Amino acid sequence: MSIGVHNIGQGCVTCLDHDEHYILTFPNGYGRQVNALIGIFIFNALSILTVPWIELGGECSISCSKTGYNASIVFHTKPFYGGKKHRVTAEIFSPNDKKPFCSIEGEWNGVMYAKYSTGENAVFIDTKKMPTIKKKVRKLEDQDDFESRCLWKDVTYNLK
């Protein structure tokens, strides 16, 4: 009833203005209720009644060797019965501290709330209110053969 992708490795995000490099790991990705997608071909009444969704799950980390700050993030998968989709919790740590100075919880595609060690509570981010920023991508003719959009252009064309 699902397909899982276990992401291996790490990424690096660089903040040029501060000369900081953040190493991060990635959550797992899941396609849930996948049999609902093929329910037309399978006579399973339950799969027809459900709606498929994409879900993130697992633990991730973010760390900066320059500042020593780090965060541990958990993407919670939806329980079989009840519960909510897209839940995330995180703890942010100062250098050499074992107790977080900030805890975050909410939905990664909605509103997340921060609770600071001072007792202050605040909206951390509301992704629904964030503006959409158009990607800046080089024209296909300016891309190398193995750059993503150039490589997949025929597949994209046929999917459209």
N, C-alpha and C. Protein backbone atom coordinates (compact mmCIF):
# COMPACT_ATOMS: atom_id res chain seq x y z
N MET A 1 0.81 -1.20 0.00
CA MET A 1 0.00 0.00 0.00
C MET A 1 0.85 1.26 0.00
N SER A 2 2.19 1.10 -0.06
CA SER A 2 3.03 2.29 -0.13
C SER A 2 4.35 1.97 -0.81
N ILE A 3 5.00 3.00 -1.23
CA ILE A 3 6.33 2.91 -1.82
C ILE A 3 7.23 3.82 -0.99
N GLY A 4 8.40 3.33 -0.61
CA GLY A 4 9.32 4.12 0.21
C GLY A 4 10.64 4.37 -0.50
N VAL A 5 11.18 5.55 -0.31
CA VAL A 5 12.50 5.91 -0.82
C VAL A 5 13.35 6.31 0.37
N HIS A 6 14.43 5.58 0.59
CA HIS A 6 15.33 5.88 1.70
C HIS A 6 16.50 6.68 1.14
N ASN A 7 16.54 7.95 1.51
CA ASN A 7 17.59 8.84 1.01
C ASN A 7 18.89 8.61 1.78
N ILE A 8 19.95 8.42 1.04
CA ILE A 8 21.26 8.16 1.62
C ILE A 8 22.17 9.32 1.24
N GLY A 9 23.01 9.73 2.16
CA GLY A 9 23.96 10.80 1.87
C GLY A 9 23.60 12.08 2.58
N GLN A 10 24.19 13.15 2.10
CA GLN A 10 23.97 14.45 2.71
C GLN A 10 24.10 15.54 1.68
N GLY A 11 23.62 16.73 2.04
CA GLY A 11 23.73 17.89 1.19
C GLY A 11 24.45 19.00 1.93
N CYS A 12 24.84 20.00 1.18
CA CYS A 12 25.51 21.16 1.77
C CYS A 12 24.84 22.42 1.26
N VAL A 13 24.42 23.27 2.18
CA VAL A 13 23.85 24.57 1.84
C VAL A 13 24.83 25.62 2.33
N THR A 14 25.18 26.54 1.46
CA THR A 14 26.14 27.59 1.81
C THR A 14 25.45 28.93 1.89
N CYS A 15 25.64 29.63 3.00
CA CYS A 15 25.16 31.01 3.15
C CYS A 15 26.35 31.91 2.84
N LEU A 16 26.38 32.43 1.64
CA LEU A 16 27.53 33.21 1.17
C LEU A 16 27.77 34.46 2.00
N ASP A 17 26.69 35.12 2.44
CA ASP A 17 26.83 36.37 3.20
C ASP A 17 27.56 36.17 4.53
N HIS A 18 27.47 34.94 5.07
CA HIS A 18 28.07 34.67 6.38
C HIS A 18 29.22 33.67 6.31
N ASP A 19 29.52 33.19 5.11
CA ASP A 19 30.55 32.17 4.91
C ASP A 19 30.30 30.96 5.81
N GLU A 20 29.05 30.50 5.84
CA GLU A 20 28.66 29.35 6.65
C GLU A 20 28.22 28.21 5.73
N HIS A 21 28.62 27.00 6.09
CA HIS A 21 28.26 25.80 5.33
C HIS A 21 27.46 24.89 6.25
N TYR A 22 26.26 24.54 5.85
CA TYR A 22 25.38 23.68 6.63
C TYR A 22 25.30 22.31 5.97
N ILE A 23 25.65 21.28 6.71
CA ILE A 23 25.54 19.91 6.24
C ILE A 23 24.20 19.36 6.72
N LEU A 24 23.43 18.78 5.81
CA LEU A 24 22.12 18.27 6.19
C LEU A 24 21.87 16.89 5.60
N THR A 25 21.11 16.11 6.32
CA THR A 25 20.66 14.82 5.82
C THR A 25 19.19 14.95 5.44
N PHE A 26 18.65 13.94 4.78
CA PHE A 26 17.32 14.04 4.19
C PHE A 26 16.35 13.02 4.79
N PRO A 27 15.07 13.37 4.83
CA PRO A 27 14.08 12.40 5.31
C PRO A 27 13.79 11.36 4.23
N ASN A 28 13.16 10.29 4.62
CA ASN A 28 12.69 9.29 3.66
C ASN A 28 11.41 9.82 3.03
N GLY A 29 11.11 9.36 1.84
CA GLY A 29 9.89 9.76 1.15
C GLY A 29 9.00 8.55 0.92
N TYR A 30 7.70 8.74 1.05
CA TYR A 30 6.76 7.64 0.89
C TYR A 30 5.59 8.07 0.01
N GLY A 31 5.17 7.19 -0.87
CA GLY A 31 3.91 7.34 -1.60
C GLY A 31 2.92 6.41 -0.93
N ARG A 32 1.93 6.97 -0.25
CA ARG A 32 0.98 6.16 0.53
C ARG A 32 -0.29 5.88 -0.26
N GLN A 33 -0.89 4.76 0.07
CA GLN A 33 -2.12 4.31 -0.59
C GLN A 33 -1.91 4.23 -2.10
N VAL A 34 -0.75 3.75 -2.48
CA VAL A 34 -0.40 3.67 -3.90
C VAL A 34 -1.36 2.77 -4.65
N ASN A 35 -1.90 1.75 -3.98
CA ASN A 35 -2.82 0.88 -4.68
C ASN A 35 -4.08 1.62 -5.12
N ALA A 36 -4.35 2.79 -4.52
CA ALA A 36 -5.50 3.59 -4.97
C ALA A 36 -5.25 4.10 -6.38
N LEU A 37 -3.98 4.28 -6.74
CA LEU A 37 -3.66 4.73 -8.09
C LEU A 37 -3.97 3.67 -9.12
N ILE A 38 -3.85 2.40 -8.73
CA ILE A 38 -4.12 1.32 -9.67
C ILE A 38 -5.44 0.61 -9.33
N GLY A 39 -6.23 1.25 -8.50
CA GLY A 39 -7.51 0.67 -8.08
C GLY A 39 -8.45 0.40 -9.23
N ILE A 40 -8.27 1.11 -10.32
CA ILE A 40 -9.11 0.89 -11.49
C ILE A 40 -8.90 -0.52 -12.02
N PHE A 41 -7.68 -1.00 -11.89
CA PHE A 41 -7.34 -2.31 -12.44
C PHE A 41 -7.50 -3.43 -11.43
N ILE A 42 -7.62 -3.09 -10.17
CA ILE A 42 -7.75 -4.10 -9.12
C ILE A 42 -9.11 -3.91 -8.45
N PHE A 43 -9.83 -4.98 -8.26
CA PHE A 43 -11.15 -4.88 -7.67
C PHE A 43 -11.05 -4.90 -6.15
N ASN A 44 -10.56 -3.79 -5.60
CA ASN A 44 -10.39 -3.66 -4.16
C ASN A 44 -11.14 -2.40 -3.74
N ALA A 45 -12.31 -2.57 -3.16
CA ALA A 45 -13.15 -1.43 -2.81
C ALA A 45 -12.46 -0.45 -1.88
N LEU A 46 -11.63 -0.95 -0.94
CA LEU A 46 -10.97 -0.05 0.00
C LEU A 46 -9.99 0.87 -0.71
N SER A 47 -9.28 0.37 -1.69
CA SER A 47 -8.29 1.22 -2.37
C SER A 47 -8.98 2.31 -3.19
N ILE A 48 -10.18 2.08 -3.64
CA ILE A 48 -10.88 3.09 -4.41
C ILE A 48 -11.36 4.22 -3.50
N LEU A 49 -11.64 3.91 -2.24
CA LEU A 49 -12.16 4.90 -1.31
C LEU A 49 -11.08 5.78 -0.69
N THR A 50 -9.82 5.46 -0.87
CA THR A 50 -8.76 6.24 -0.25
C THR A 50 -8.12 7.17 -1.27
N VAL A 51 -7.47 8.20 -0.76
CA VAL A 51 -6.79 9.17 -1.60
C VAL A 51 -5.29 9.04 -1.37
N PRO A 52 -4.49 8.84 -2.42
CA PRO A 52 -3.05 8.72 -2.22
C PRO A 52 -2.42 10.04 -1.79
N TRP A 53 -1.29 9.96 -1.07
CA TRP A 53 -0.58 11.15 -0.65
C TRP A 53 0.90 10.86 -0.55
N ILE A 54 1.69 11.91 -0.59
CA ILE A 54 3.13 11.82 -0.42
C ILE A 54 3.44 12.18 1.02
N GLU A 55 4.37 11.44 1.62
CA GLU A 55 4.68 11.65 3.03
C GLU A 55 6.19 11.60 3.24
N LEU A 56 6.67 12.41 4.17
CA LEU A 56 8.07 12.35 4.59
C LEU A 56 8.12 11.66 5.94
N GLY A 57 9.21 10.93 6.20
CA GLY A 57 9.34 10.24 7.48
C GLY A 57 10.79 9.99 7.83
N GLY A 58 11.08 10.00 9.10
CA GLY A 58 12.42 9.69 9.56
C GLY A 58 13.13 10.88 10.18
N GLU A 59 14.37 10.62 10.59
CA GLU A 59 15.17 11.64 11.27
C GLU A 59 16.18 12.28 10.32
N CYS A 60 16.42 13.56 10.54
CA CYS A 60 17.39 14.33 9.77
C CYS A 60 18.21 15.18 10.73
N SER A 61 19.28 15.72 10.22
CA SER A 61 20.08 16.63 11.03
C SER A 61 20.61 17.76 10.16
N ILE A 62 20.88 18.88 10.81
CA ILE A 62 21.52 20.02 10.16
C ILE A 62 22.60 20.50 11.11
N SER A 63 23.80 20.74 10.59
CA SER A 63 24.88 21.23 11.46
C SER A 63 25.78 22.19 10.69
N CYS A 64 26.34 23.13 11.44
CA CYS A 64 27.27 24.10 10.88
C CYS A 64 28.57 24.01 11.68
N SER A 65 29.66 23.61 11.02
CA SER A 65 30.92 23.45 11.73
C SER A 65 31.50 24.80 12.16
N LYS A 66 31.19 25.87 11.44
CA LYS A 66 31.73 27.19 11.79
C LYS A 66 31.12 27.72 13.09
N THR A 67 29.80 27.62 13.21
CA THR A 67 29.12 28.17 14.39
C THR A 67 28.93 27.14 15.50
N GLY A 68 28.87 25.87 15.14
CA GLY A 68 28.62 24.83 16.12
C GLY A 68 27.13 24.59 16.38
N TYR A 69 26.27 25.38 15.78
CA TYR A 69 24.83 25.16 15.94
C TYR A 69 24.42 23.91 15.18
N ASN A 70 23.42 23.20 15.72
CA ASN A 70 22.92 22.03 15.03
C ASN A 70 21.46 21.80 15.39
N ALA A 71 20.80 21.03 14.56
CA ALA A 71 19.38 20.73 14.79
C ALA A 71 19.12 19.27 14.46
N SER A 72 18.21 18.68 15.21
CA SER A 72 17.72 17.34 14.88
C SER A 72 16.24 17.47 14.56
N ILE A 73 15.85 16.87 13.46
CA ILE A 73 14.49 17.00 12.94
C ILE A 73 13.89 15.61 12.77
N VAL A 74 12.62 15.47 13.14
CA VAL A 74 11.92 14.20 12.95
C VAL A 74 10.66 14.49 12.14
N PHE A 75 10.55 13.82 11.00
CA PHE A 75 9.34 13.85 10.19
C PHE A 75 8.53 12.63 10.60
N HIS A 76 7.32 12.88 11.13
CA HIS A 76 6.48 11.81 11.67
C HIS A 76 5.53 11.31 10.59
N THR A 77 5.52 10.00 10.40
CA THR A 77 4.57 9.42 9.45
C THR A 77 3.21 9.29 10.12
N LYS A 78 2.18 9.34 9.31
CA LYS A 78 0.82 9.25 9.83
C LYS A 78 0.55 7.84 10.33
N PRO A 79 0.02 7.72 11.56
CA PRO A 79 -0.35 6.39 12.05
C PRO A 79 -1.45 5.79 11.17
N PHE A 80 -1.58 4.46 11.20
CA PHE A 80 -2.58 3.77 10.38
C PHE A 80 -3.99 4.27 10.70
N TYR A 81 -4.30 4.44 11.98
CA TYR A 81 -5.60 4.97 12.39
C TYR A 81 -5.39 6.31 13.08
N GLY A 82 -6.17 7.31 12.70
CA GLY A 82 -6.10 8.62 13.33
C GLY A 82 -4.81 9.35 12.99
N GLY A 83 -4.51 10.36 13.78
CA GLY A 83 -3.29 11.12 13.58
C GLY A 83 -3.38 12.08 12.40
N LYS A 84 -2.34 12.89 12.25
CA LYS A 84 -2.29 13.88 11.19
C LYS A 84 -1.15 13.58 10.24
N LYS A 85 -1.30 14.06 9.03
CA LYS A 85 -0.24 13.94 8.03
C LYS A 85 0.73 15.12 8.18
N HIS A 86 1.93 14.94 7.66
CA HIS A 86 2.94 15.99 7.48
C HIS A 86 3.45 16.62 8.77
N ARG A 87 3.42 15.88 9.88
CA ARG A 87 3.90 16.42 11.16
C ARG A 87 5.42 16.39 11.23
N VAL A 88 5.96 17.41 11.85
CA VAL A 88 7.41 17.51 12.04
C VAL A 88 7.69 18.09 13.42
N THR A 89 8.76 17.60 14.06
CA THR A 89 9.25 18.19 15.29
C THR A 89 10.76 18.39 15.12
N ALA A 90 11.28 19.38 15.82
CA ALA A 90 12.72 19.67 15.71
C ALA A 90 13.22 20.27 17.01
N GLU A 91 14.50 20.09 17.24
CA GLU A 91 15.16 20.73 18.37
C GLU A 91 16.43 21.38 17.85
N ILE A 92 16.67 22.62 18.29
CA ILE A 92 17.84 23.37 17.84
C ILE A 92 18.77 23.58 19.04
N PHE A 93 20.05 23.28 18.83
CA PHE A 93 21.03 23.31 19.91
C PHE A 93 22.12 24.34 19.65
N SER A 94 22.50 25.05 20.70
CA SER A 94 23.67 25.93 20.65
C SER A 94 24.92 25.06 20.70
N PRO A 95 26.07 25.63 20.34
CA PRO A 95 27.31 24.86 20.39
C PRO A 95 27.56 24.28 21.79
N ASN A 96 27.90 23.01 21.84
CA ASN A 96 28.26 22.29 23.07
C ASN A 96 27.13 22.14 24.08
N ASP A 97 25.89 22.47 23.71
CA ASP A 97 24.76 22.31 24.63
C ASP A 97 24.04 21.00 24.34
N LYS A 98 23.56 20.36 25.40
CA LYS A 98 22.81 19.11 25.25
C LYS A 98 21.32 19.34 25.36
N LYS A 99 20.94 20.54 25.81
CA LYS A 99 19.54 20.90 25.94
C LYS A 99 19.21 21.92 24.84
N PRO A 100 18.12 21.71 24.10
CA PRO A 100 17.80 22.64 23.01
C PRO A 100 17.36 24.01 23.53
N PHE A 101 17.71 25.05 22.79
CA PHE A 101 17.21 26.38 23.14
C PHE A 101 15.91 26.69 22.43
N CYS A 102 15.54 25.82 21.47
CA CYS A 102 14.29 26.02 20.73
C CYS A 102 13.76 24.66 20.29
N SER A 103 12.45 24.46 20.48
CA SER A 103 11.76 23.26 19.99
C SER A 103 10.68 23.71 19.00
N ILE A 104 10.56 22.97 17.92
CA ILE A 104 9.62 23.34 16.87
C ILE A 104 8.69 22.16 16.62
N GLU A 105 7.42 22.47 16.38
CA GLU A 105 6.48 21.42 15.99
C GLU A 105 5.40 22.00 15.11
N GLY A 106 4.82 21.15 14.30
CA GLY A 106 3.76 21.58 13.40
C GLY A 106 3.73 20.71 12.16
N GLU A 107 3.32 21.31 11.07
CA GLU A 107 3.24 20.61 9.79
C GLU A 107 4.25 21.24 8.83
N TRP A 108 5.07 20.40 8.18
CA TRP A 108 6.12 20.94 7.32
C TRP A 108 5.56 21.66 6.10
N ASN A 109 4.31 21.42 5.76
CA ASN A 109 3.70 22.12 4.63
C ASN A 109 2.59 23.06 5.10
N GLY A 110 2.66 23.48 6.36
CA GLY A 110 1.65 24.37 6.93
C GLY A 110 2.29 25.31 7.94
N VAL A 111 1.77 25.32 9.15
CA VAL A 111 2.27 26.21 10.19
C VAL A 111 3.13 25.42 11.18
N MET A 112 4.29 25.99 11.52
CA MET A 112 5.16 25.40 12.55
C MET A 112 5.31 26.43 13.67
N TYR A 113 5.31 25.93 14.90
CA TYR A 113 5.39 26.78 16.08
C TYR A 113 6.70 26.53 16.83
N ALA A 114 7.29 27.59 17.35
CA ALA A 114 8.53 27.49 18.11
C ALA A 114 8.26 27.74 19.58
N LYS A 115 8.92 26.95 20.43
CA LYS A 115 8.89 27.17 21.87
C LYS A 115 10.34 27.31 22.30
N TYR A 116 10.68 28.49 22.83
CA TYR A 116 12.05 28.79 23.23
C TYR A 116 12.28 28.43 24.70
N SER A 117 13.53 28.24 25.04
CA SER A 117 13.87 27.89 26.43
C SER A 117 13.50 29.00 27.40
N THR A 118 13.29 30.21 26.89
CA THR A 118 12.87 31.34 27.73
C THR A 118 11.39 31.25 28.12
N GLY A 119 10.67 30.30 27.47
CA GLY A 119 9.24 30.17 27.71
C GLY A 119 8.40 30.84 26.64
N GLU A 120 9.03 31.61 25.79
CA GLU A 120 8.31 32.31 24.72
C GLU A 120 7.84 31.32 23.67
N ASN A 121 6.61 31.50 23.19
CA ASN A 121 6.04 30.71 22.09
C ASN A 121 5.74 31.65 20.93
N ALA A 122 6.00 31.19 19.72
CA ALA A 122 5.76 32.03 18.55
C ALA A 122 5.56 31.17 17.32
N VAL A 123 4.95 31.75 16.30
CA VAL A 123 4.87 31.08 15.00
C VAL A 123 6.28 31.08 14.43
N PHE A 124 6.79 29.91 14.09
CA PHE A 124 8.13 29.79 13.52
C PHE A 124 8.07 30.12 12.03
N ILE A 125 7.11 29.49 11.34
CA ILE A 125 6.90 29.77 9.92
C ILE A 125 5.51 29.31 9.53
N ASP A 126 4.91 30.04 8.61
CA ASP A 126 3.63 29.66 8.03
C ASP A 126 3.86 29.52 6.53
N THR A 127 4.05 28.29 6.08
CA THR A 127 4.39 28.07 4.66
C THR A 127 3.26 28.46 3.72
N LYS A 128 2.04 28.50 4.21
CA LYS A 128 0.90 28.87 3.36
C LYS A 128 0.94 30.37 3.02
N LYS A 129 1.60 31.17 3.85
CA LYS A 129 1.66 32.61 3.62
C LYS A 129 2.95 33.03 2.90
N MET A 130 3.84 32.08 2.65
CA MET A 130 5.09 32.42 1.99
C MET A 130 4.85 32.67 0.51
N PRO A 131 5.52 33.65 -0.06
CA PRO A 131 5.36 33.88 -1.50
C PRO A 131 6.04 32.78 -2.30
N THR A 132 5.49 32.50 -3.46
CA THR A 132 6.10 31.54 -4.37
C THR A 132 7.17 32.26 -5.17
N ILE A 133 8.35 31.68 -5.19
CA ILE A 133 9.46 32.28 -5.92
C ILE A 133 9.75 31.42 -7.14
N LYS A 134 9.71 32.02 -8.29
CA LYS A 134 9.95 31.29 -9.53
C LYS A 134 11.41 30.85 -9.60
N LYS A 135 11.62 29.61 -10.03
CA LYS A 135 12.97 29.08 -10.18
C LYS A 135 13.72 29.83 -11.28
N LYS A 136 15.01 29.98 -11.07
CA LYS A 136 15.86 30.55 -12.11
C LYS A 136 16.63 29.39 -12.73
N VAL A 137 16.31 29.10 -13.98
CA VAL A 137 16.91 27.97 -14.67
C VAL A 137 17.45 28.45 -16.02
N ARG A 138 18.66 27.98 -16.34
CA ARG A 138 19.22 28.33 -17.64
C ARG A 138 18.38 27.73 -18.76
N LYS A 139 18.38 28.37 -19.92
CA LYS A 139 17.66 27.86 -21.07
C LYS A 139 18.21 26.49 -21.45
N LEU A 140 17.35 25.64 -22.01
CA LEU A 140 17.77 24.29 -22.38
C LEU A 140 18.99 24.28 -23.28
N GLU A 141 19.04 25.19 -24.22
CA GLU A 141 20.18 25.22 -25.16
C GLU A 141 21.49 25.61 -24.47
N ASP A 142 21.40 26.20 -23.27
CA ASP A 142 22.60 26.59 -22.52
C ASP A 142 23.02 25.52 -21.50
N GLN A 143 22.24 24.45 -21.39
CA GLN A 143 22.54 23.40 -20.42
C GLN A 143 23.39 22.30 -21.05
N ASP A 144 24.21 21.66 -20.21
CA ASP A 144 24.97 20.49 -20.65
C ASP A 144 24.03 19.31 -20.84
N ASP A 145 24.49 18.28 -21.56
CA ASP A 145 23.65 17.13 -21.89
C ASP A 145 23.10 16.41 -20.67
N PHE A 146 23.84 16.39 -19.56
CA PHE A 146 23.40 15.63 -18.40
C PHE A 146 22.82 16.51 -17.29
N GLU A 147 22.53 17.76 -17.58
CA GLU A 147 21.80 18.59 -16.60
C GLU A 147 20.34 18.16 -16.65
N SER A 148 19.70 18.22 -15.51
CA SER A 148 18.40 17.60 -15.30
C SER A 148 17.36 17.93 -16.38
N ARG A 149 17.11 19.19 -16.62
CA ARG A 149 16.04 19.54 -17.55
C ARG A 149 16.37 19.14 -18.98
N CYS A 150 17.65 19.23 -19.34
CA CYS A 150 18.07 18.82 -20.67
C CYS A 150 17.94 17.29 -20.81
N LEU A 151 18.40 16.58 -19.81
CA LEU A 151 18.38 15.12 -19.82
C LEU A 151 16.96 14.57 -19.89
N TRP A 152 16.04 15.20 -19.16
CA TRP A 152 14.67 14.70 -19.04
C TRP A 152 13.66 15.41 -19.95
N LYS A 153 14.14 16.23 -20.88
CA LYS A 153 13.21 17.06 -21.68
C LYS A 153 12.21 16.22 -22.48
N ASP A 154 12.64 15.08 -23.03
CA ASP A 154 11.71 14.26 -23.81
C ASP A 154 10.65 13.62 -22.92
N VAL A 155 11.04 13.18 -21.73
CA VAL A 155 10.08 12.59 -20.79
C VAL A 155 9.08 13.67 -20.35
N THR A 156 9.58 14.86 -20.03
CA THR A 156 8.70 15.95 -19.60
C THR A 156 7.71 16.29 -20.72
N TYR A 157 8.21 16.38 -21.94
CA TYR A 157 7.34 16.70 -23.08
C TYR A 157 6.22 15.66 -23.21
N ASN A 158 6.59 14.38 -23.13
CA ASN A 158 5.60 13.32 -23.30
C ASN A 158 4.63 13.22 -22.13
N LEU A 159 5.07 13.56 -20.93
CA LEU A 159 4.16 13.58 -19.79
C LEU A 159 3.12 14.70 -19.95
N LYS A 160 3.58 15.85 -20.45
CA LYS A 160 2.65 16.96 -20.66
C LYS A 160 1.64 16.61 -21.73
